[in-house]
Amino acid sequence: MSWSITELARMSGVTARALRHYDEIGVLRPARVGDNGYRWYEREQLLRLQEILLMRQLDMDLPTIARILDGDHDRLAALWDHRERLLAQRDRLDRLVRTVARTIADLEGEEVMPDNELFDGFRFSPATLDELEAKSPESSKPYFDELRANTAQWTERDFAAANEQAADGERRLLALMLADVPVDDPRMLDLMAESHAAEQALLALSKEDYCKLAQAFAGTPDLRAHLDARHPQLAEYLRDAMLAYAAARMN
């Protein structure tokens, strides 16, 4: 059975214009093109479009999707992988919903939310590693492999301790920002040195990679979400502080 581009657009919710674009860039070719120029799609193309839409939900760009689909591709294995990543994303969103609901209750006076639970949706955990890796380029895979190796034996208490240490660093960072302390001030550089020492136990980064991480904290929505929750300028302040530390104290 074949479907026209109009029928496929109606079935999938993808516009005919987008389907023509997918054809032009090679991510989804029709099964055939008629003498009149009409594009026709069969079940194979429908399944490929489903995978494209799944990967788009994971914020993958079209060139990356094309490389994955045109490589050594096991469709069933890929679907299982998509399922696991979507479940991890759902779990994170569920945590965020619970955090927001409790914050609303706190603001309405129905309950007092402990300070250390205000950021429960934004914590370092195996699930957040999975989600971040799903949204990162393939070149980032070695970093995630190293993080998993270094936390493989961690218990929930270990993750909680790491999150509390990070939260303490963020509170101190915010205090310095609110006091208008320059990012190259010795107090700030000392704070960044503490943070860097903790990071090195998890991930050994070169100066160049450390600077890339600094940019990611300000430029990646998932990484900056918890910082935005503390203060809308904190992500940029952290980025600038990390870059100042790298320039002053990293070889």
Protein backbone atom coordinates (compact mmCIF):
# COMPACT_ATOMS: atom_id res chain seq x y z
CA MET A 1 0.00 0.00 0.00
CA SER A 2 1.19 3.50 -0.78
CA TRP A 3 0.38 6.90 0.66
CA SER A 4 0.68 10.27 -0.99
CA ILE A 5 2.55 13.09 0.70
CA THR A 6 -0.79 14.69 1.62
CA GLU A 7 -2.03 11.46 3.22
CA LEU A 8 1.23 10.97 5.10
CA ALA A 9 1.10 14.56 6.34
CA ARG A 10 -2.43 13.98 7.62
CA MET A 11 -1.48 10.68 9.30
CA SER A 12 1.72 11.88 10.98
CA GLY A 13 1.04 15.52 11.75
CA VAL A 14 4.17 16.47 9.80
CA THR A 15 3.46 19.12 7.18
CA ALA A 16 3.90 18.35 3.50
CA ARG A 17 6.46 21.16 3.39
CA ALA A 18 8.51 19.45 6.12
CA LEU A 19 8.27 16.10 4.30
CA ARG A 20 9.56 17.72 1.12
CA HIS A 21 12.43 19.20 3.15
CA TYR A 22 13.20 15.75 4.61
CA ASP A 23 13.40 14.46 1.04
CA GLU A 24 15.66 17.30 -0.10
CA ILE A 25 18.20 16.74 2.71
CA GLY A 26 18.06 12.95 2.38
CA VAL A 27 16.66 12.08 5.79
CA LEU A 28 13.40 10.63 4.35
CA ARG A 29 13.17 9.75 0.68
CA PRO A 30 9.80 8.67 -0.74
CA ALA A 31 9.47 5.13 -2.02
CA ARG A 32 8.98 6.55 -5.51
CA VAL A 33 8.18 9.74 -7.36
CA GLY A 34 5.55 9.64 -10.09
CA ASP A 35 5.91 11.10 -13.56
CA ASN A 36 3.84 14.03 -12.33
CA GLY A 37 6.36 14.68 -9.51
CA TYR A 38 4.08 13.37 -6.76
CA ARG A 39 5.87 11.65 -3.88
CA TRP A 40 4.60 8.25 -2.69
CA TYR A 41 5.48 6.54 0.60
CA GLU A 42 5.21 2.93 1.72
CA ARG A 43 5.37 1.21 5.11
CA GLU A 44 9.18 1.31 5.22
CA GLN A 45 9.11 5.10 4.95
CA LEU A 46 6.35 5.33 7.58
CA LEU A 47 8.50 3.37 10.04
CA ARG A 48 11.50 5.55 9.24
CA LEU A 49 9.41 8.70 9.80
CA GLN A 50 8.30 7.31 13.16
CA GLU A 51 11.96 6.92 14.18
CA ILE A 52 12.74 10.43 12.96
CA LEU A 53 9.94 11.85 15.09
CA LEU A 54 11.06 9.84 18.12
CA MET A 55 14.60 11.16 17.81
CA ARG A 56 13.34 14.68 17.29
CA GLN A 57 11.54 14.31 20.63
CA LEU A 58 14.98 13.65 22.10
CA ASP A 59 16.19 16.96 20.57
CA MET A 60 18.44 15.34 17.96
CA ASP A 61 19.12 17.46 14.88
CA LEU A 62 18.26 16.18 11.41
CA PRO A 63 21.86 15.62 10.18
CA THR A 64 22.55 13.46 13.26
CA ILE A 65 19.32 11.53 12.72
CA ALA A 66 20.25 10.90 9.08
CA ARG A 67 23.68 9.56 10.08
CA ILE A 68 22.12 7.20 12.62
CA LEU A 69 19.44 5.89 10.28
CA ASP A 70 21.81 5.42 7.36
CA GLY A 71 24.49 3.70 9.44
CA ASP A 72 24.67 0.11 10.67
CA HIS A 73 21.17 0.36 12.04
CA ASP A 74 19.20 -2.24 14.00
CA ARG A 75 15.68 -0.83 14.00
CA LEU A 76 14.40 -2.93 16.92
CA ALA A 77 17.45 -2.17 19.07
CA ALA A 78 17.09 1.52 18.25
CA LEU A 79 13.44 1.50 19.30
CA TRP A 80 14.33 -0.14 22.62
CA ASP A 81 16.97 2.54 23.11
CA HIS A 82 14.45 5.30 22.29
CA ARG A 83 12.04 3.76 24.78
CA GLU A 84 14.61 3.79 27.59
CA ARG A 85 15.58 7.38 26.88
CA LEU A 86 11.96 8.52 26.78
CA LEU A 87 11.28 6.75 30.08
CA ALA A 88 14.28 8.53 31.62
CA GLN A 89 12.95 11.82 30.28
CA ARG A 90 9.49 11.04 31.67
CA ASP A 91 10.97 10.27 35.09
CA ARG A 92 12.80 13.59 35.12
CA LEU A 93 9.67 15.47 34.12
CA ASP A 94 7.74 13.66 36.85
CA ARG A 95 10.31 14.84 39.40
CA LEU A 96 10.01 18.39 38.07
CA VAL A 97 6.21 18.26 38.31
CA ARG A 98 6.42 17.08 41.93
CA THR A 99 8.92 19.82 42.78
CA VAL A 100 6.79 22.53 41.18
CA ALA A 101 3.64 21.22 42.90
CA ARG A 102 5.33 21.29 46.30
CA THR A 103 6.71 24.78 45.62
CA ILE A 104 3.18 26.00 44.79
CA ALA A 105 1.91 24.45 48.01
CA ASP A 106 4.73 26.15 49.91
CA LEU A 107 3.94 29.55 48.40
CA GLU A 108 0.24 29.09 49.16
CA GLY A 109 1.06 28.25 52.77
CA GLU A 110 -0.13 24.66 52.60
CA GLU A 111 3.28 23.19 53.45
CA VAL A 112 6.78 24.39 54.17
CA MET A 113 9.19 22.89 51.65
CA PRO A 114 12.70 22.23 53.07
CA ASP A 115 15.37 24.33 51.36
CA ASN A 116 17.32 21.26 50.28
CA GLU A 117 14.27 19.96 48.36
CA LEU A 118 13.65 23.09 46.31
CA PHE A 119 15.84 21.71 43.53
CA ASP A 120 14.80 18.05 43.59
CA GLY A 121 14.05 18.08 39.87
CA PHE A 122 17.55 19.18 38.95
CA ARG A 123 19.87 16.62 40.55
CA PHE A 124 22.84 14.57 39.39
CA SER A 125 21.77 10.95 39.00
CA PRO A 126 22.09 8.03 36.55
CA ALA A 127 18.77 9.12 34.99
CA THR A 128 19.97 12.67 34.33
CA LEU A 129 23.18 11.28 32.82
CA ASP A 130 21.10 9.19 30.40
CA GLU A 131 18.99 12.18 29.44
CA LEU A 132 21.92 14.51 28.91
CA GLU A 133 23.77 11.91 26.83
CA ALA A 134 20.70 11.46 24.63
CA LYS A 135 20.83 15.17 23.80
CA SER A 136 24.60 15.37 23.34
CA PRO A 137 26.69 14.77 20.20
CA GLU A 138 28.33 11.38 19.68
CA SER A 139 31.71 12.97 20.42
CA SER A 140 30.60 13.43 24.06
CA LYS A 141 30.14 9.68 24.64
CA PRO A 142 33.62 9.12 26.19
CA TYR A 143 32.84 11.70 28.88
CA PHE A 144 29.59 9.97 29.81
CA ASP A 145 31.35 6.59 29.82
CA GLU A 146 33.93 8.00 32.25
CA LEU A 147 31.24 9.49 34.49
CA ARG A 148 29.39 6.18 34.63
CA ALA A 149 32.59 4.26 35.36
CA ASN A 150 33.50 6.61 38.20
CA THR A 151 30.02 6.42 39.75
CA ALA A 152 29.28 2.76 39.04
CA GLN A 153 29.62 1.78 42.71
CA TRP A 154 27.86 4.84 44.08
CA THR A 155 24.89 4.41 46.39
CA GLU A 156 21.95 6.78 46.68
CA ARG A 157 23.75 8.29 49.68
CA ASP A 158 26.82 8.98 47.51
CA PHE A 159 24.71 10.79 44.90
CA ALA A 160 22.93 12.72 47.66
CA ALA A 161 26.26 13.81 49.14
CA ALA A 162 27.53 14.96 45.74
CA ASN A 163 24.32 16.91 45.13
CA GLU A 164 24.52 18.55 48.55
CA GLN A 165 28.15 19.55 47.91
CA ALA A 166 27.14 21.03 44.55
CA ALA A 167 24.17 22.83 46.14
CA ASP A 168 26.45 24.32 48.81
CA GLY A 169 28.78 25.55 46.06
CA GLU A 170 25.85 27.12 44.21
CA ARG A 171 24.67 28.90 47.37
CA ARG A 172 28.16 30.32 47.94
CA LEU A 173 28.38 31.29 44.28
CA LEU A 174 25.06 33.10 44.49
CA ALA A 175 26.16 34.96 47.61
CA LEU A 176 29.29 36.20 45.82
CA MET A 177 27.26 37.26 42.80
CA LEU A 178 24.76 39.19 44.92
CA ALA A 179 27.70 40.89 46.64
CA ASP A 180 28.99 42.01 43.21
CA VAL A 181 32.25 40.09 43.63
CA PRO A 182 34.20 40.06 40.31
CA VAL A 183 34.68 36.64 38.76
CA ASP A 184 38.49 36.98 38.94
CA ASP A 185 38.44 37.86 42.65
CA PRO A 186 40.61 35.46 44.77
CA ARG A 187 37.54 34.40 46.76
CA MET A 188 35.81 33.34 43.56
CA LEU A 189 38.90 31.60 42.22
CA ASP A 190 39.19 29.64 45.47
CA LEU A 191 35.55 28.56 45.19
CA MET A 192 36.09 27.45 41.60
CA ALA A 193 39.20 25.53 42.70
CA GLU A 194 37.11 23.59 45.25
CA SER A 195 34.49 22.84 42.62
CA HIS A 196 37.10 21.81 40.08
CA ALA A 197 38.73 19.40 42.55
CA ALA A 198 35.37 17.67 43.09
CA GLU A 199 34.75 17.52 39.34
CA GLN A 200 38.18 15.98 38.70
CA ALA A 201 37.21 12.99 40.84
CA LEU A 202 34.38 12.33 38.38
CA LEU A 203 35.73 13.57 35.07
CA ALA A 204 39.28 14.56 34.19
CA LEU A 205 38.92 17.54 31.86
CA SER A 206 41.57 19.42 29.96
CA LYS A 207 41.58 23.21 30.15
CA GLU A 208 39.87 23.33 26.75
CA ASP A 209 37.15 20.88 27.79
CA TYR A 210 36.66 22.68 31.11
CA CYS A 211 36.00 25.89 29.19
CA LYS A 212 33.51 24.04 26.98
CA LEU A 213 31.75 22.84 30.12
CA ALA A 214 31.60 26.44 31.35
CA GLN A 215 29.85 27.46 28.13
CA ALA A 216 27.47 24.50 28.43
CA PHE A 217 26.25 25.59 31.87
CA ALA A 218 25.03 28.84 30.33
CA GLY A 219 23.98 27.53 26.93
CA THR A 220 22.33 24.15 27.59
CA PRO A 221 18.76 24.35 28.97
CA ASP A 222 18.99 21.12 30.97
CA LEU A 223 22.29 22.11 32.60
CA ARG A 224 21.27 25.64 33.50
CA ALA A 225 17.74 24.86 34.71
CA HIS A 226 18.66 24.49 38.38
CA LEU A 227 20.82 27.63 38.22
CA ASP A 228 17.97 29.63 36.70
CA ALA A 229 15.81 28.43 39.59
CA ARG A 230 18.21 30.14 42.00
CA HIS A 231 18.73 33.34 39.97
CA PRO A 232 18.32 34.16 36.26
CA GLN A 233 21.88 35.53 35.99
CA LEU A 234 23.61 32.74 37.91
CA ALA A 235 24.37 30.53 34.90
CA GLU A 236 26.23 33.32 33.12
CA TYR A 237 28.06 34.25 36.33
CA LEU A 238 29.18 30.64 36.81
CA ARG A 239 30.33 30.46 33.18
CA ASP A 240 32.40 33.62 33.55
CA ALA A 241 33.83 32.44 36.88
CA MET A 242 34.88 29.10 35.40
CA LEU A 243 36.52 30.82 32.44
CA ALA A 244 38.33 33.22 34.80
CA TYR A 245 39.54 30.27 36.89
CA ALA A 246 40.76 28.43 33.79
CA ALA A 247 42.70 31.51 32.63
CA ALA A 248 44.22 32.17 36.06
CA ARG A 249 44.97 28.72 37.48
CA MET A 250 44.83 26.02 34.81
CA ASN A 251 47.82 25.19 32.65
